[in-house]
Amino acid sequence: MILIIPIFFVLGSLVVLSYMIGVYLMKTFPDNYDVNGIWAGLQYQNKIFLYLWYLGEILSCSGFLCLTCFLWEDAPGQEVFVVFYTMFLVSACFWMPLAIQGDRFYSLTIFFLFLTSLSTIGLLVESFRLWGPKSHKPWLLIPLTLHCTVFDMIYWCWTWSPTSSSDLNKVTGGGNNNLKFSRSLESRSLFVVAEEEDDEQQLNPGKFSISDISLKYDFC
């Protein structure tokens, strides 16, 4: 299955890149993205589920990488396996970018998780058909199939309560920073007005000025 190797490197890199970009966006613009909701029922207080999820993730990735390394030889009838393999990596690319948007792409997020789970089941069935139960290759996919189906598709979707997209701060460039910047400009404008009125009051002593009531603005 020589075709698997370029597919793995191209799409596998996109999967990793999608996670890296998602983490970067959540850390840089926490007000713009659903930082807490993305963990669903895998919050830190649920340590048992969290540790099981970590273990499943390690076993799944290890088994998938090992299986990919063993797929250098060609085999007849591998076309369906390649389709499921490609479908798994493509669907995995979309989860992080969609999930951090809150409920904005709720249905699409669920759909791609379902597609990921379905593709792992297809990979497992096809691997047993190609190599049989006596080979070690099909067994390498069992942790991946269980993890994507039980933890991701069933448990995560069941406990996922995304933040409403209307509650997420969608100010381009990052919420609080933009707000502070605009308030800072407003504050500076008010001080400039006050200074100009002070100068005018010196020329016209009887005229009322906002500086007379000693207003101080500190929006930041």
C-alpha atoms as a PDB file:
ATOM      1  CA  MET A   1       0.000   0.000   0.000  1.00  0.00           C
ATOM      2  CA  ILE A   2       2.537   2.540  -1.177  1.00  0.00           C
ATOM      3  CA  LEU A   3      -0.261   5.060  -1.730  1.00  0.00           C
ATOM      4  CA  ILE A   4      -0.871   5.194   2.027  1.00  0.00           C
ATOM      5  CA  ILE A   5       2.496   6.844   2.738  1.00  0.00           C
ATOM      6  CA  PRO A   6       2.001  10.174   0.872  1.00  0.00           C
ATOM      7  CA  ILE A   7      -1.600  10.307   2.093  1.00  0.00           C
ATOM      8  CA  PHE A   8      -0.391   9.852   5.658  1.00  0.00           C
ATOM      9  CA  PHE A   9       2.295  12.553   5.453  1.00  0.00           C
ATOM     10  CA  VAL A  10       0.096  15.136   3.729  1.00  0.00           C
ATOM     11  CA  LEU A  11      -3.198  14.645   5.589  1.00  0.00           C
ATOM     12  CA  GLY A  12      -1.506  13.640   8.848  1.00  0.00           C
ATOM     13  CA  SER A  13       0.427  16.904   8.800  1.00  0.00           C
ATOM     14  CA  LEU A  14      -2.822  18.816   8.229  1.00  0.00           C
ATOM     15  CA  VAL A  15      -4.397  17.109  11.255  1.00  0.00           C
ATOM     16  CA  VAL A  16      -1.484  18.126  13.479  1.00  0.00           C
ATOM     17  CA  LEU A  17      -1.518  21.629  11.993  1.00  0.00           C
ATOM     18  CA  SER A  18      -5.245  22.033  12.712  1.00  0.00           C
ATOM     19  CA  TYR A  19      -4.636  21.208  16.376  1.00  0.00           C
ATOM     20  CA  MET A  20      -1.665  23.577  16.595  1.00  0.00           C
ATOM     21  CA  ILE A  21      -3.650  26.438  15.046  1.00  0.00           C
ATOM     22  CA  GLY A  22      -6.618  25.712  17.314  1.00  0.00           C
ATOM     23  CA  VAL A  23      -4.477  25.780  20.454  1.00  0.00           C
ATOM     24  CA  TYR A  24      -2.761  28.976  19.284  1.00  0.00           C
ATOM     25  CA  LEU A  25      -6.075  30.743  18.649  1.00  0.00           C
ATOM     26  CA  MET A  26      -7.511  29.717  22.027  1.00  0.00           C
ATOM     27  CA  LYS A  27      -4.416  30.900  23.881  1.00  0.00           C
ATOM     28  CA  THR A  28      -4.048  34.138  21.935  1.00  0.00           C
ATOM     29  CA  PHE A  29      -7.732  35.100  21.698  1.00  0.00           C
ATOM     30  CA  PRO A  30      -9.474  33.302  24.590  1.00  0.00           C
ATOM     31  CA  ASP A  31     -12.534  35.579  24.379  1.00  0.00           C
ATOM     32  CA  ASN A  32     -13.108  34.720  20.732  1.00  0.00           C
ATOM     33  CA  TYR A  33     -13.131  30.923  21.007  1.00  0.00           C
ATOM     34  CA  ASP A  34     -14.783  28.281  23.177  1.00  0.00           C
ATOM     35  CA  VAL A  35     -11.819  27.468  25.416  1.00  0.00           C
ATOM     36  CA  ASN A  36     -13.787  25.642  28.122  1.00  0.00           C
ATOM     37  CA  GLY A  37     -16.575  24.034  26.119  1.00  0.00           C
ATOM     38  CA  ILE A  38     -14.212  22.176  23.813  1.00  0.00           C
ATOM     39  CA  TRP A  39     -13.276  19.773  26.627  1.00  0.00           C
ATOM     40  CA  ALA A  40     -16.924  18.745  27.154  1.00  0.00           C
ATOM     41  CA  GLY A  41     -17.050  16.032  29.854  1.00  0.00           C
ATOM     42  CA  LEU A  42     -13.263  15.674  29.888  1.00  0.00           C
ATOM     43  CA  GLN A  43     -12.747  18.520  32.345  1.00  0.00           C
ATOM     44  CA  TYR A  44      -9.981  18.193  34.905  1.00  0.00           C
ATOM     45  CA  GLN A  45     -12.392  17.448  37.750  1.00  0.00           C
ATOM     46  CA  ASN A  46     -13.433  14.224  35.965  1.00  0.00           C
ATOM     47  CA  LYS A  47      -9.989  12.737  36.424  1.00  0.00           C
ATOM     48  CA  ILE A  48     -10.972   9.142  35.685  1.00  0.00           C
ATOM     49  CA  PHE A  49     -12.415   9.975  32.269  1.00  0.00           C
ATOM     50  CA  LEU A  50      -9.602  12.405  31.562  1.00  0.00           C
ATOM     51  CA  TYR A  51      -6.875   9.856  32.312  1.00  0.00           C
ATOM     52  CA  LEU A  52      -8.687   7.168  30.335  1.00  0.00           C
ATOM     53  CA  TRP A  53      -8.959   9.589  27.447  1.00  0.00           C
ATOM     54  CA  TYR A  54      -5.211  10.321  27.606  1.00  0.00           C
ATOM     55  CA  LEU A  55      -4.444   6.595  27.690  1.00  0.00           C
ATOM     56  CA  GLY A  56      -6.774   5.926  24.791  1.00  0.00           C
ATOM     57  CA  GLU A  57      -5.208   8.758  22.804  1.00  0.00           C
ATOM     58  CA  ILE A  58      -1.702   7.373  23.334  1.00  0.00           C
ATOM     59  CA  LEU A  59      -2.700   3.803  22.419  1.00  0.00           C
ATOM     60  CA  SER A  60      -4.686   4.999  19.400  1.00  0.00           C
ATOM     61  CA  CYS A  61      -1.909   7.149  17.975  1.00  0.00           C
ATOM     62  CA  SER A  62       0.705   4.471  18.638  1.00  0.00           C
ATOM     63  CA  GLY A  63      -1.347   1.751  16.955  1.00  0.00           C
ATOM     64  CA  PHE A  64      -2.191   3.964  13.979  1.00  0.00           C
ATOM     65  CA  LEU A  65       1.436   4.997  13.455  1.00  0.00           C
ATOM     66  CA  CYS A  66       2.666   1.407  13.780  1.00  0.00           C
ATOM     67  CA  LEU A  67       0.063   0.185  11.301  1.00  0.00           C
ATOM     68  CA  THR A  68       1.079   2.917   8.838  1.00  0.00           C
ATOM     69  CA  CYS A  69       4.718   1.858   9.117  1.00  0.00           C
ATOM     70  CA  PHE A  70       3.726  -1.734   8.311  1.00  0.00           C
ATOM     71  CA  LEU A  71       1.830  -0.761   5.158  1.00  0.00           C
ATOM     72  CA  TRP A  72       4.772  -0.599   2.770  1.00  0.00           C
ATOM     73  CA  GLU A  73       3.872  -3.800   0.945  1.00  0.00           C
ATOM     74  CA  ASP A  74       1.131  -3.885  -1.630  1.00  0.00           C
ATOM     75  CA  ALA A  75      -1.947  -6.042  -1.225  1.00  0.00           C
ATOM     76  CA  PRO A  76      -4.854  -6.862  -3.552  1.00  0.00           C
ATOM     77  CA  GLY A  77      -8.179  -5.239  -2.847  1.00  0.00           C
ATOM     78  CA  GLN A  78      -6.776  -2.424  -0.715  1.00  0.00           C
ATOM     79  CA  GLU A  79      -8.789   0.340  -2.412  1.00  0.00           C
ATOM     80  CA  VAL A  80     -11.561   0.335   0.190  1.00  0.00           C
ATOM     81  CA  PHE A  81      -8.977   0.451   2.980  1.00  0.00           C
ATOM     82  CA  VAL A  82      -7.345   3.501   1.369  1.00  0.00           C
ATOM     83  CA  VAL A  83     -10.755   5.216   1.139  1.00  0.00           C
ATOM     84  CA  PHE A  84     -11.445   4.705   4.862  1.00  0.00           C
ATOM     85  CA  TYR A  85      -7.872   5.717   5.703  1.00  0.00           C
ATOM     86  CA  THR A  86      -8.237   8.971   3.767  1.00  0.00           C
ATOM     87  CA  MET A  87     -11.711   9.633   5.174  1.00  0.00           C
ATOM     88  CA  PHE A  88     -10.376   9.235   8.715  1.00  0.00           C
ATOM     89  CA  LEU A  89      -7.602  11.818   8.283  1.00  0.00           C
ATOM     90  CA  VAL A  90      -9.753  14.287   6.348  1.00  0.00           C
ATOM     91  CA  SER A  91     -12.551  14.246   8.944  1.00  0.00           C
ATOM     92  CA  ALA A  92     -10.006  14.557  11.770  1.00  0.00           C
ATOM     93  CA  CYS A  93      -8.752  17.822  10.219  1.00  0.00           C
ATOM     94  CA  PHE A  94     -12.086  19.545  10.831  1.00  0.00           C
ATOM     95  CA  TRP A  95     -12.829  18.769  14.469  1.00  0.00           C
ATOM     96  CA  MET A  96     -10.642  21.345  16.220  1.00  0.00           C
ATOM     97  CA  PRO A  97     -11.369  24.314  13.881  1.00  0.00           C
ATOM     98  CA  LEU A  98     -15.119  23.684  14.202  1.00  0.00           C
ATOM     99  CA  ALA A  99     -15.331  22.830  17.907  1.00  0.00           C
ATOM    100  CA  ILE A 100     -13.600  26.013  19.084  1.00  0.00           C
ATOM    101  CA  GLN A 101     -16.341  28.067  17.378  1.00  0.00           C
ATOM    102  CA  GLY A 102     -18.872  27.151  20.080  1.00  0.00           C
ATOM    103  CA  ASP A 103     -22.318  26.199  18.778  1.00  0.00           C
ATOM    104  CA  ARG A 104     -21.849  28.058  15.506  1.00  0.00           C
ATOM    105  CA  PHE A 105     -21.028  24.823  13.622  1.00  0.00           C
ATOM    106  CA  TYR A 106     -22.666  22.400  16.033  1.00  0.00           C
ATOM    107  CA  SER A 107     -24.117  20.042  13.414  1.00  0.00           C
ATOM    108  CA  LEU A 108     -20.936  19.998  11.331  1.00  0.00           C
ATOM    109  CA  THR A 109     -18.820  19.209  14.378  1.00  0.00           C
ATOM    110  CA  ILE A 110     -21.025  16.224  15.242  1.00  0.00           C
ATOM    111  CA  PHE A 111     -21.059  15.134  11.597  1.00  0.00           C
ATOM    112  CA  PHE A 112     -17.270  15.057  11.272  1.00  0.00           C
ATOM    113  CA  LEU A 113     -16.909  13.177  14.563  1.00  0.00           C
ATOM    114  CA  PHE A 114     -19.418  10.632  13.289  1.00  0.00           C
ATOM    115  CA  LEU A 115     -17.458  10.407  10.026  1.00  0.00           C
ATOM    116  CA  THR A 116     -14.225   9.862  11.953  1.00  0.00           C
ATOM    117  CA  SER A 117     -15.780   7.104  14.041  1.00  0.00           C
ATOM    118  CA  LEU A 118     -17.330   5.454  10.988  1.00  0.00           C
ATOM    119  CA  SER A 119     -14.010   5.518   9.130  1.00  0.00           C
ATOM    120  CA  THR A 120     -12.165   3.797  12.002  1.00  0.00           C
ATOM    121  CA  ILE A 121     -14.809   1.063  12.083  1.00  0.00           C
ATOM    122  CA  GLY A 122     -14.379   0.677   8.324  1.00  0.00           C
ATOM    123  CA  LEU A 123     -10.597   0.494   8.736  1.00  0.00           C
ATOM    124  CA  LEU A 124     -10.927  -2.206  11.369  1.00  0.00           C
ATOM    125  CA  VAL A 125     -13.308  -4.317   9.283  1.00  0.00           C
ATOM    126  CA  GLU A 126     -11.191  -3.932   6.159  1.00  0.00           C
ATOM    127  CA  SER A 127      -7.964  -4.769   7.990  1.00  0.00           C
ATOM    128  CA  PHE A 128      -9.433  -8.046   9.228  1.00  0.00           C
ATOM    129  CA  ARG A 129     -10.623  -8.785   5.695  1.00  0.00           C
ATOM    130  CA  LEU A 130      -7.199  -8.069   4.185  1.00  0.00           C
ATOM    131  CA  TRP A 131      -4.924  -9.740   6.721  1.00  0.00           C
ATOM    132  CA  GLY A 132      -7.131 -11.933   8.876  1.00  0.00           C
ATOM    133  CA  PRO A 133      -7.244 -12.279  12.674  1.00  0.00           C
ATOM    134  CA  LYS A 134      -3.904 -14.095  12.798  1.00  0.00           C
ATOM    135  CA  SER A 135      -2.059 -10.980  11.671  1.00  0.00           C
ATOM    136  CA  HIS A 136      -1.059  -8.327  14.196  1.00  0.00           C
ATOM    137  CA  LYS A 137      -2.108  -5.459  11.898  1.00  0.00           C
ATOM    138  CA  PRO A 138      -5.881  -5.480  12.526  1.00  0.00           C
ATOM    139  CA  TRP A 139      -5.399  -5.543  16.284  1.00  0.00           C
ATOM    140  CA  LEU A 140      -3.403  -2.326  16.127  1.00  0.00           C
ATOM    141  CA  LEU A 141      -6.582  -0.508  15.066  1.00  0.00           C
ATOM    142  CA  ILE A 142      -8.766  -1.678  17.945  1.00  0.00           C
ATOM    143  CA  PRO A 143      -7.638   1.082  20.389  1.00  0.00           C
ATOM    144  CA  LEU A 144      -8.215   3.722  17.685  1.00  0.00           C
ATOM    145  CA  THR A 145     -11.684   2.419  16.854  1.00  0.00           C
ATOM    146  CA  LEU A 146     -12.731   2.222  20.509  1.00  0.00           C
ATOM    147  CA  HIS A 147     -11.327   5.653  21.305  1.00  0.00           C
ATOM    148  CA  CYS A 148     -12.940   7.440  18.343  1.00  0.00           C
ATOM    149  CA  THR A 149     -16.269   5.666  18.838  1.00  0.00           C
ATOM    150  CA  VAL A 150     -16.663   5.496  22.636  1.00  0.00           C
ATOM    151  CA  PHE A 151     -14.825   8.603  23.814  1.00  0.00           C
ATOM    152  CA  ASP A 152     -15.080  10.993  20.866  1.00  0.00           C
ATOM    153  CA  MET A 153     -18.335  10.120  19.159  1.00  0.00           C
ATOM    154  CA  ILE A 154     -20.447   8.954  22.114  1.00  0.00           C
ATOM    155  CA  TYR A 155     -19.075  10.423  25.367  1.00  0.00           C
ATOM    156  CA  TRP A 156     -17.726  13.727  24.034  1.00  0.00           C
ATOM    157  CA  CYS A 157     -20.820  14.492  21.960  1.00  0.00           C
ATOM    158  CA  TRP A 158     -23.099  13.517  24.843  1.00  0.00           C
ATOM    159  CA  THR A 159     -21.345  15.802  27.336  1.00  0.00           C
ATOM    160  CA  TRP A 160     -20.499  18.622  24.920  1.00  0.00           C
ATOM    161  CA  SER A 161     -22.229  21.867  25.857  1.00  0.00           C
ATOM    162  CA  PRO A 162     -20.740  24.483  23.528  1.00  0.00           C
ATOM    163  CA  THR A 163     -20.826  28.174  24.307  1.00  0.00           C
ATOM    164  CA  SER A 164     -23.313  30.164  22.287  1.00  0.00           C
ATOM    165  CA  SER A 165     -21.602  31.876  19.376  1.00  0.00           C
ATOM    166  CA  SER A 166     -23.421  35.094  20.301  1.00  0.00           C
ATOM    167  CA  ASP A 167     -21.662  35.037  23.687  1.00  0.00           C
ATOM    168  CA  LEU A 168     -18.216  34.709  22.173  1.00  0.00           C
ATOM    169  CA  ASN A 169     -16.428  37.983  21.569  1.00  0.00           C
ATOM    170  CA  LYS A 170     -16.019  38.163  17.797  1.00  0.00           C
ATOM    171  CA  VAL A 171     -14.117  41.438  17.641  1.00  0.00           C
ATOM    172  CA  THR A 172     -11.442  40.968  15.009  1.00  0.00           C
ATOM    173  CA  GLY A 173      -7.975  41.006  16.466  1.00  0.00           C
ATOM    174  CA  GLY A 174      -8.824  39.813  19.968  1.00  0.00           C
ATOM    175  CA  GLY A 175     -11.539  40.987  22.346  1.00  0.00           C
ATOM    176  CA  ASN A 176     -10.084  42.599  25.465  1.00  0.00           C
ATOM    177  CA  ASN A 177      -7.049  44.010  23.710  1.00  0.00           C
ATOM    178  CA  ASN A 178      -9.205  45.826  21.169  1.00  0.00           C
ATOM    179  CA  LEU A 179     -11.559  47.041  23.893  1.00  0.00           C
ATOM    180  CA  LYS A 180      -8.726  48.416  25.983  1.00  0.00           C
ATOM    181  CA  PHE A 181      -7.200  50.057  22.945  1.00  0.00           C
ATOM    182  CA  SER A 182     -10.448  51.807  21.944  1.00  0.00           C
ATOM    183  CA  ARG A 183     -11.067  52.937  25.521  1.00  0.00           C
ATOM    184  CA  SER A 184      -7.526  54.224  25.723  1.00  0.00           C
ATOM    185  CA  LEU A 185      -8.114  56.308  22.580  1.00  0.00           C
ATOM    186  CA  GLU A 186     -11.385  57.604  24.027  1.00  0.00           C
ATOM    187  CA  SER A 187      -9.651  58.524  27.286  1.00  0.00           C
ATOM    188  CA  ARG A 188      -6.885  60.359  25.457  1.00  0.00           C
ATOM    189  CA  SER A 189      -9.450  62.270  23.374  1.00  0.00           C
ATOM    190  CA  LEU A 190     -11.233  63.435  26.511  1.00  0.00           C
ATOM    191  CA  PHE A 191      -7.985  64.642  28.039  1.00  0.00           C
ATOM    192  CA  VAL A 192      -7.175  66.550  24.862  1.00  0.00           C
ATOM    193  CA  VAL A 193     -10.605  68.213  24.979  1.00  0.00           C
ATOM    194  CA  ALA A 194     -10.044  69.103  28.630  1.00  0.00           C
ATOM    195  CA  GLU A 195      -6.651  70.642  27.870  1.00  0.00           C
ATOM    196  CA  GLU A 196      -8.104  72.672  25.008  1.00  0.00           C
ATOM    197  CA  GLU A 197     -10.912  73.938  27.233  1.00  0.00           C
ATOM    198  CA  ASP A 198      -8.394  74.855  29.944  1.00  0.00           C
ATOM    199  CA  ASP A 199      -6.541  76.978  27.408  1.00  0.00           C
ATOM    200  CA  GLU A 200      -9.797  78.570  26.267  1.00  0.00           C
ATOM    201  CA  GLN A 201     -10.855  79.244  29.860  1.00  0.00           C
ATOM    202  CA  GLN A 202      -7.671  81.164  30.463  1.00  0.00           C
ATOM    203  CA  LEU A 203      -8.702  83.450  27.612  1.00  0.00           C
ATOM    204  CA  ASN A 204     -12.365  83.532  28.728  1.00  0.00           C
ATOM    205  CA  PRO A 205     -12.374  83.194  32.555  1.00  0.00           C
ATOM    206  CA  GLY A 206     -16.176  83.254  32.853  1.00  0.00           C
ATOM    207  CA  LYS A 207     -16.780  80.270  30.565  1.00  0.00           C
ATOM    208  CA  PHE A 208     -17.690  76.845  32.051  1.00  0.00           C
ATOM    209  CA  SER A 209     -15.351  73.933  31.282  1.00  0.00           C
ATOM    210  CA  ILE A 210     -15.444  70.213  31.977  1.00  0.00           C
ATOM    211  CA  SER A 211     -12.125  70.646  33.749  1.00  0.00           C
ATOM    212  CA  ASP A 212     -13.961  72.691  36.423  1.00  0.00           C
ATOM    213  CA  ILE A 213     -15.565  69.547  37.825  1.00  0.00           C
ATOM    214  CA  SER A 214     -12.221  67.692  37.805  1.00  0.00           C
ATOM    215  CA  LEU A 215     -13.388  64.640  35.827  1.00  0.00           C
ATOM    216  CA  LYS A 216     -10.831  61.849  35.530  1.00  0.00           C
ATOM    217  CA  TYR A 217     -11.134  59.053  32.984  1.00  0.00           C
ATOM    218  CA  ASP A 218      -9.302  55.787  33.330  1.00  0.00           C
ATOM    219  CA  PHE A 219     -10.958  53.178  31.137  1.00  0.00           C
ATOM    220  CA  CYS A 220      -8.080  50.707  31.077  1.00  0.00           C
END
